[in-house]
Amino acid sequence: MKIRYCFFAAILFFALHSCVILSPKKYKALVAERDSLSTRTGSLEDTVARLRADVMRLHHEISDMQGTYNALSDKYNTLNTNYSASSSKVGELSSDLKKREARLKEVEDILRKRDEATNALKDKLQKALLGFQQNGLTVDIRNGKVYVSLTDKLLFPSGSIVIDARGKMALEQLAAVLNKEPDINIAVEGHTDNKKVVNLGQIKDNWDLSVLRATSVSRYLTEVEKVDPRRITATGKGEFQPVDAAETPEALAKNRRIEIVLTPKLDELYNLIKQ
């Protein structure tokens, strides 16, 4: 409105200043032109107002979009950092898994070799001691070890710790195999039944009897048959590890025994486990 009135005033001033008398026709033309300019000016003002509103709206939208972008950028950076850390961790775990798989394969190979050696040793002993298997001698495998079990009647007279002739023959055949197998550890275990020892002089109880019999066998193997004493361990188990818990004469006879436990040396396996 201000623009329109100023423009009209300027035309009026110009007309008066020039002292020109306008004809009605010219006056109407000027008024019409004034009205047209006023209309167009109003339209321009409306357009400017709309443009200003659009500019403000676009500023708000840009600001909102910038905020959204920043938030997404932060999430992306966080995810990228987490991905890098996870990728590194996965790489470490994958490398560790490969190492463990390699060690597992080594252990499995060693155990397979142990089982093969154990079975081969059992076969050799069964062939070497075949003649004694009808007289209370057995050879079997338990927990990866070879057990040669000899009943007391095969080795000792009743209540004695002195090996008799038949027992020496059996131990001689056993030693012939053991001396050819230097990588076998030997444990000699003495076992008794649960009947109390009576009238055996210096032997006080079943503990004594089991230990002394195990020691007698160990001495014979090392001193007579020349088995390396560093390979042998002698122990007495007394009555506490029976193979048959019954109280029958047959069960008691089974429990009175010497067990020679043969174990392949597993230094390679033990060293591997320590790593």
Protein backbone atom coordinates (compact mmCIF):
# COMPACT_ATOMS: atom_id res chain seq x y z
CA MET A 1 0.00 0.00 0.00
CA LYS A 2 2.81 2.42 0.84
CA ILE A 3 4.41 1.86 -2.55
CA ARG A 4 1.14 2.43 -4.34
CA TYR A 5 0.39 5.74 -2.60
CA CYS A 6 3.91 6.99 -3.05
CA PHE A 7 3.74 6.24 -6.72
CA PHE A 8 0.43 8.07 -7.07
CA ALA A 9 1.76 11.06 -5.17
CA ALA A 10 4.79 11.19 -7.40
CA ILE A 11 2.62 11.30 -10.50
CA LEU A 12 0.44 14.02 -9.00
CA PHE A 13 3.47 16.07 -7.99
CA PHE A 14 4.96 15.71 -11.41
CA ALA A 15 1.72 16.80 -13.01
CA LEU A 16 1.39 19.86 -10.79
CA HIS A 17 5.04 20.75 -11.10
CA SER A 18 4.92 20.73 -14.85
CA CYS A 19 1.81 22.87 -14.74
CA VAL A 20 0.31 20.73 -17.45
CA ILE A 21 -3.45 20.42 -17.45
CA LEU A 22 -4.39 16.77 -18.10
CA SER A 23 -7.35 15.90 -20.17
CA PRO A 24 -9.94 13.55 -18.70
CA LYS A 25 -8.79 10.82 -21.03
CA LYS A 26 -5.16 11.08 -19.94
CA TYR A 27 -6.20 11.29 -16.32
CA LYS A 28 -8.23 8.07 -16.60
CA ALA A 29 -5.27 6.38 -18.33
CA LEU A 30 -2.93 7.37 -15.50
CA VAL A 31 -5.43 6.15 -12.91
CA ALA A 32 -5.79 2.84 -14.76
CA GLU A 33 -2.02 2.46 -14.97
CA ARG A 34 -1.76 3.28 -11.26
CA ASP A 35 -4.31 0.59 -10.42
CA SER A 36 -2.53 -1.95 -12.63
CA LEU A 37 0.81 -1.19 -10.98
CA SER A 38 -0.80 -1.41 -7.57
CA THR A 39 -2.21 -4.85 -8.41
CA ARG A 40 1.11 -6.12 -9.72
CA THR A 41 2.93 -4.71 -6.71
CA GLY A 42 0.55 -6.53 -4.40
CA SER A 43 1.12 -9.76 -6.33
CA LEU A 44 4.90 -9.32 -6.05
CA GLU A 45 4.63 -8.71 -2.33
CA ASP A 46 2.62 -11.92 -1.96
CA THR A 47 5.20 -13.80 -4.00
CA VAL A 48 8.05 -12.44 -1.87
CA ALA A 49 6.19 -13.44 1.29
CA ARG A 50 5.66 -16.98 -0.07
CA LEU A 51 9.30 -17.24 -1.10
CA ARG A 52 10.41 -16.11 2.35
CA ALA A 53 8.15 -18.74 3.94
CA ASP A 54 9.52 -21.39 1.57
CA VAL A 55 13.07 -20.35 2.40
CA MET A 56 12.34 -20.65 6.14
CA ARG A 57 10.67 -24.05 5.63
CA LEU A 58 13.62 -25.28 3.54
CA HIS A 59 16.03 -24.06 6.23
CA HIS A 60 14.13 -26.10 8.83
CA GLU A 61 14.05 -29.17 6.56
CA ILE A 62 17.78 -28.84 5.83
CA SER A 63 18.48 -28.50 9.56
CA ASP A 64 16.39 -31.61 10.31
CA MET A 65 18.06 -33.54 7.51
CA GLN A 66 21.50 -32.45 8.75
CA GLY A 67 20.63 -33.71 12.23
CA THR A 68 19.44 -37.02 10.79
CA TYR A 69 22.58 -37.28 8.68
CA ASN A 70 24.83 -36.59 11.67
CA ALA A 71 23.04 -39.24 13.75
CA LEU A 72 23.33 -41.78 10.93
CA SER A 73 26.97 -40.85 10.43
CA ASP A 74 27.66 -41.43 14.13
CA LYS A 75 25.91 -44.82 13.97
CA TYR A 76 27.88 -45.72 10.85
CA ASN A 77 31.17 -44.79 12.52
CA THR A 78 30.23 -46.82 15.60
CA LEU A 79 29.24 -49.81 13.48
CA ASN A 80 32.39 -49.49 11.41
CA THR A 81 34.51 -49.40 14.57
CA ASN A 82 32.66 -52.42 15.96
CA TYR A 83 33.04 -54.23 12.66
CA SER A 84 36.78 -53.56 12.61
CA ALA A 85 37.11 -54.80 16.20
CA SER A 86 34.94 -57.87 15.45
CA SER A 87 36.86 -58.59 12.28
CA SER A 88 40.14 -58.45 14.20
CA LYS A 89 38.70 -60.71 16.93
CA VAL A 90 37.42 -63.17 14.34
CA GLY A 91 40.88 -63.23 12.79
CA GLU A 92 42.47 -63.96 16.16
CA LEU A 93 39.94 -66.70 16.95
CA SER A 94 40.38 -68.22 13.51
CA SER A 95 44.15 -68.29 13.95
CA ASP A 96 43.80 -69.78 17.44
CA LEU A 97 41.35 -72.39 16.15
CA LYS A 98 43.79 -73.46 13.44
CA LYS A 99 46.54 -73.85 16.03
CA ARG A 100 44.26 -75.88 18.29
CA GLU A 101 43.16 -78.08 15.40
CA ALA A 102 46.80 -78.69 14.51
CA ARG A 103 47.60 -79.63 18.14
CA LEU A 104 44.53 -81.86 18.29
CA LYS A 105 45.68 -83.67 15.19
CA GLU A 106 49.13 -84.14 16.73
CA VAL A 107 47.60 -85.54 19.93
CA GLU A 108 45.31 -87.84 17.95
CA ASP A 109 48.27 -89.08 15.91
CA ILE A 110 50.28 -89.77 19.08
CA LEU A 111 47.37 -91.58 20.71
CA ARG A 112 46.81 -93.61 17.57
CA LYS A 113 50.48 -94.60 17.59
CA ARG A 114 50.19 -95.44 21.31
CA ASP A 115 47.19 -97.68 20.65
CA GLU A 116 48.98 -99.36 17.77
CA ALA A 117 52.05 -99.95 19.94
CA THR A 118 49.90 -101.21 22.82
CA ASN A 119 48.07 -103.71 20.62
CA ALA A 120 51.32 -104.87 19.06
CA LEU A 121 52.85 -105.35 22.53
CA LYS A 122 49.82 -107.31 23.70
CA ASP A 123 50.11 -109.63 20.69
CA LYS A 124 53.82 -110.22 21.35
CA LEU A 125 53.23 -110.98 25.03
CA GLN A 126 50.36 -113.35 24.33
CA LYS A 127 52.54 -115.30 21.92
CA ALA A 128 55.52 -115.31 24.28
CA LEU A 129 53.46 -116.37 27.31
CA LEU A 130 51.09 -118.71 25.53
CA GLY A 131 52.30 -121.69 27.54
CA PHE A 132 51.35 -120.05 30.84
CA GLN A 133 47.85 -118.86 29.97
CA GLN A 134 46.34 -122.10 31.21
CA ASN A 135 48.01 -121.63 34.60
CA GLY A 136 46.56 -118.33 35.74
CA LEU A 137 48.20 -115.80 33.35
CA THR A 138 46.17 -113.28 31.34
CA VAL A 139 47.09 -110.41 29.03
CA ASP A 140 44.62 -107.63 28.29
CA ILE A 141 44.41 -103.92 27.54
CA ARG A 142 42.82 -101.38 29.88
CA ASN A 143 42.88 -97.60 29.44
CA GLY A 144 45.64 -97.75 26.86
CA LYS A 145 47.87 -99.98 29.01
CA VAL A 146 48.77 -103.66 28.76
CA TYR A 147 48.10 -105.67 31.94
CA VAL A 148 49.91 -108.96 32.44
CA SER A 149 48.20 -110.60 35.41
CA LEU A 150 49.80 -113.63 37.12
CA THR A 151 48.01 -115.42 39.94
CA ASP A 152 50.04 -116.02 43.06
CA LYS A 153 50.04 -119.80 42.52
CA LEU A 154 51.93 -119.26 39.24
CA LEU A 155 54.72 -117.34 41.00
CA PHE A 156 54.89 -118.20 44.69
CA PRO A 157 54.33 -121.09 47.09
CA SER A 158 51.47 -120.43 49.48
CA GLY A 159 52.25 -117.54 51.86
CA SER A 160 55.76 -117.08 50.39
CA ILE A 161 57.52 -114.15 48.78
CA VAL A 162 60.12 -116.36 47.04
CA ILE A 163 59.45 -116.97 43.33
CA ASP A 164 59.30 -120.64 42.39
CA ALA A 165 60.71 -122.31 39.27
CA ARG A 166 57.54 -122.05 37.20
CA GLY A 167 57.19 -118.37 38.08
CA LYS A 168 60.77 -117.71 37.02
CA MET A 169 60.09 -119.31 33.64
CA ALA A 170 57.10 -117.04 33.09
CA LEU A 171 59.08 -113.93 34.10
CA GLU A 172 61.95 -114.99 31.83
CA GLN A 173 59.60 -115.09 28.82
CA LEU A 174 58.12 -111.74 29.84
CA ALA A 175 61.55 -110.13 30.24
CA ALA A 176 62.61 -111.34 26.78
CA VAL A 177 59.83 -109.21 25.29
CA LEU A 178 60.38 -106.23 27.61
CA ASN A 179 64.11 -106.02 26.85
CA LYS A 180 63.23 -105.60 23.18
CA GLU A 181 60.78 -102.79 23.98
CA PRO A 182 62.86 -100.08 25.73
CA ASP A 183 60.12 -97.45 25.39
CA ILE A 184 57.76 -99.31 27.72
CA ASN A 185 57.43 -98.29 31.38
CA ILE A 186 56.80 -101.13 33.83
CA ALA A 187 54.77 -101.06 37.06
CA VAL A 188 54.75 -104.21 39.21
CA GLU A 189 51.69 -104.29 41.49
CA GLY A 190 51.18 -106.80 44.29
CA HIS A 191 47.57 -107.70 45.26
CA THR A 192 46.16 -109.98 47.96
CA ASP A 193 42.77 -111.29 49.03
CA ASN A 194 41.04 -109.99 52.16
CA LYS A 195 42.04 -112.85 54.46
CA LYS A 196 44.32 -111.89 57.31
CA VAL A 197 47.91 -113.04 57.17
CA VAL A 198 48.78 -115.60 59.85
CA ASN A 199 52.04 -117.23 60.87
CA LEU A 200 54.21 -115.48 58.25
CA GLY A 201 56.98 -114.29 60.52
CA GLN A 202 58.20 -110.83 59.52
CA ILE A 203 55.20 -110.27 57.20
CA LYS A 204 52.71 -108.36 59.33
CA ASP A 205 49.70 -108.01 57.06
CA ASN A 206 48.42 -107.99 53.47
CA TRP A 207 50.13 -104.66 52.82
CA ASP A 208 53.48 -106.20 53.65
CA LEU A 209 52.76 -109.31 51.61
CA SER A 210 51.69 -107.36 48.51
CA VAL A 211 54.69 -105.01 48.68
CA LEU A 212 57.24 -107.76 49.26
CA ARG A 213 55.91 -109.90 46.41
CA ALA A 214 55.98 -106.91 44.04
CA THR A 215 59.55 -106.20 45.17
CA SER A 216 60.56 -109.86 44.62
CA VAL A 217 59.28 -109.77 41.03
CA SER A 218 60.96 -106.40 40.36
CA ARG A 219 64.30 -107.66 41.73
CA TYR A 220 64.13 -110.82 39.62
CA LEU A 221 63.40 -108.82 36.45
CA THR A 222 66.22 -106.33 37.08
CA GLU A 223 68.90 -108.50 38.73
CA VAL A 224 68.44 -111.76 36.84
CA GLU A 225 66.76 -110.80 33.56
CA LYS A 226 68.60 -107.46 33.32
CA VAL A 227 65.58 -105.25 32.71
CA ASP A 228 66.60 -101.61 33.21
CA PRO A 229 65.56 -100.78 36.82
CA ARG A 230 64.85 -97.17 35.84
CA ARG A 231 61.84 -98.46 33.92
CA ILE A 232 60.29 -100.33 36.87
CA THR A 233 58.09 -99.18 39.75
CA ALA A 234 57.07 -101.65 42.49
CA THR A 235 53.91 -101.04 44.54
CA GLY A 236 51.74 -102.98 46.96
CA LYS A 237 47.97 -102.60 46.72
CA GLY A 238 47.07 -105.02 49.51
CA GLU A 239 43.50 -106.28 49.45
CA PHE A 240 41.95 -103.03 48.27
CA GLN A 241 41.68 -103.51 44.51
CA PRO A 242 40.01 -106.90 44.08
CA VAL A 243 38.99 -108.11 40.63
CA ASP A 244 36.19 -110.22 42.16
CA ALA A 245 34.36 -109.12 45.32
CA ALA A 246 32.85 -112.54 46.03
CA GLU A 247 34.01 -114.61 48.98
CA THR A 248 34.30 -117.85 47.05
CA PRO A 249 37.64 -119.72 46.83
CA GLU A 250 37.75 -118.97 43.10
CA ALA A 251 37.25 -115.20 43.66
CA LEU A 252 39.86 -115.10 46.43
CA ALA A 253 42.34 -116.89 44.15
CA LYS A 254 41.79 -114.29 41.39
CA ASN A 255 42.47 -111.46 43.82
CA ARG A 256 45.83 -112.94 44.93
CA ARG A 257 47.92 -111.83 41.98
CA ILE A 258 50.81 -109.84 40.57
CA GLU A 259 49.87 -107.38 37.86
CA ILE A 260 52.60 -106.09 35.58
CA VAL A 261 51.30 -102.90 33.97
CA LEU A 262 53.04 -101.87 30.76
CA THR A 263 52.66 -98.31 29.50
CA PRO A 264 54.19 -96.89 26.31
CA LYS A 265 56.25 -93.80 27.04
CA LEU A 266 54.31 -90.71 26.03
CA ASP A 267 56.94 -88.00 26.46
CA GLU A 268 56.02 -86.61 23.08
CA LEU A 269 52.38 -86.32 24.13
CA TYR A 270 53.18 -84.81 27.54
CA ASN A 271 55.47 -82.21 25.96
CA LEU A 272 52.75 -81.33 23.49
CA ILE A 273 50.14 -80.90 26.24
CA LYS A 274 52.45 -78.56 28.19
CA GLN A 275 52.73 -76.15 25.26
